Amino acid sequence: MNVLKRIICGVVLAGVALMLSGCPATVGSERWCQNMRDKPKADWSASEAVDFAKHCIIN
């Protein structure tokens, strides 16, 4: 039973760590704008390009 508790605890902790590390930057935030500047333009979607222009260039 002790081994099962350790396994379950490890899985839960790993899941929490993944959820916390996977939070994307909010569209229009300084971090998001910088991430878009670093991302190759060929990989941008049309909506990302519009959001970048609206939030990072015009404002």
Protein backbone atom coordinates (compact mmCIF):
# COMPACT_ATOMS: atom_id res chain seq x y z
CA MET A 1 0.00 0.00 0.00
CA ASN A 2 2.87 2.38 0.76
CA VAL A 3 4.29 1.94 -2.74
CA LEU A 4 0.90 2.72 -4.29
CA LYS A 5 0.65 5.96 -2.28
CA ARG A 6 4.11 7.01 -3.47
CA ILE A 7 3.22 6.33 -7.08
CA ILE A 8 -0.03 8.27 -6.84
CA CYS A 9 1.70 11.17 -5.08
CA GLY A 10 4.41 11.25 -7.76
CA VAL A 11 1.86 11.27 -10.56
CA VAL A 12 -0.13 14.07 -8.92
CA LEU A 13 3.00 16.18 -8.32
CA ALA A 14 4.15 15.67 -11.91
CA GLY A 15 0.73 16.71 -13.20
CA VAL A 16 0.70 19.87 -11.10
CA ALA A 17 4.21 20.77 -12.28
CA LEU A 18 3.18 20.31 -15.92
CA MET A 19 0.06 22.42 -15.49
CA LEU A 20 1.97 25.27 -13.85
CA SER A 21 4.77 25.29 -16.41
CA GLY A 22 2.43 25.20 -19.42
CA CYS A 23 0.69 28.54 -18.88
CA PRO A 24 0.90 30.52 -22.11
CA ALA A 25 1.50 34.26 -22.05
CA THR A 26 -1.60 36.43 -22.34
CA VAL A 27 -2.10 37.84 -25.84
CA GLY A 28 -0.86 41.42 -25.89
CA SER A 29 1.34 41.11 -22.81
CA GLU A 30 5.00 42.16 -23.03
CA ARG A 31 6.05 38.50 -22.70
CA TRP A 32 3.69 37.46 -25.50
CA CYS A 33 4.97 40.24 -27.78
CA GLN A 34 8.57 39.20 -27.13
CA ASN A 35 7.74 35.53 -27.78
CA MET A 36 6.17 36.55 -31.11
CA ARG A 37 9.24 38.62 -32.04
CA ASP A 38 11.41 35.56 -31.38
CA LYS A 39 9.11 33.19 -33.30
CA PRO A 40 9.81 32.83 -37.06
CA LYS A 41 7.28 34.86 -39.06
CA ALA A 42 6.53 31.83 -41.24
CA ASP A 43 5.15 30.04 -38.14
CA TRP A 44 2.67 32.80 -37.27
CA SER A 45 -1.03 32.18 -37.83
CA ALA A 46 -3.16 34.91 -39.40
CA SER A 47 -4.81 35.68 -36.06
CA GLU A 48 -1.42 35.89 -34.32
CA ALA A 49 -0.25 38.40 -36.93
CA VAL A 50 -3.35 40.53 -36.42
CA ASP A 51 -3.01 40.35 -32.62
CA PHE A 52 0.69 41.25 -32.85
CA ALA A 53 -0.04 44.28 -35.00
CA LYS A 54 -2.92 45.36 -32.75
CA HIS A 55 -1.21 44.88 -29.38
CA CYS A 56 2.55 45.16 -30.00
CA ILE A 57 2.91 47.68 -32.82
CA ILE A 58 -0.08 50.02 -32.70
CA ASN A 59 -0.35 50.28 -28.91
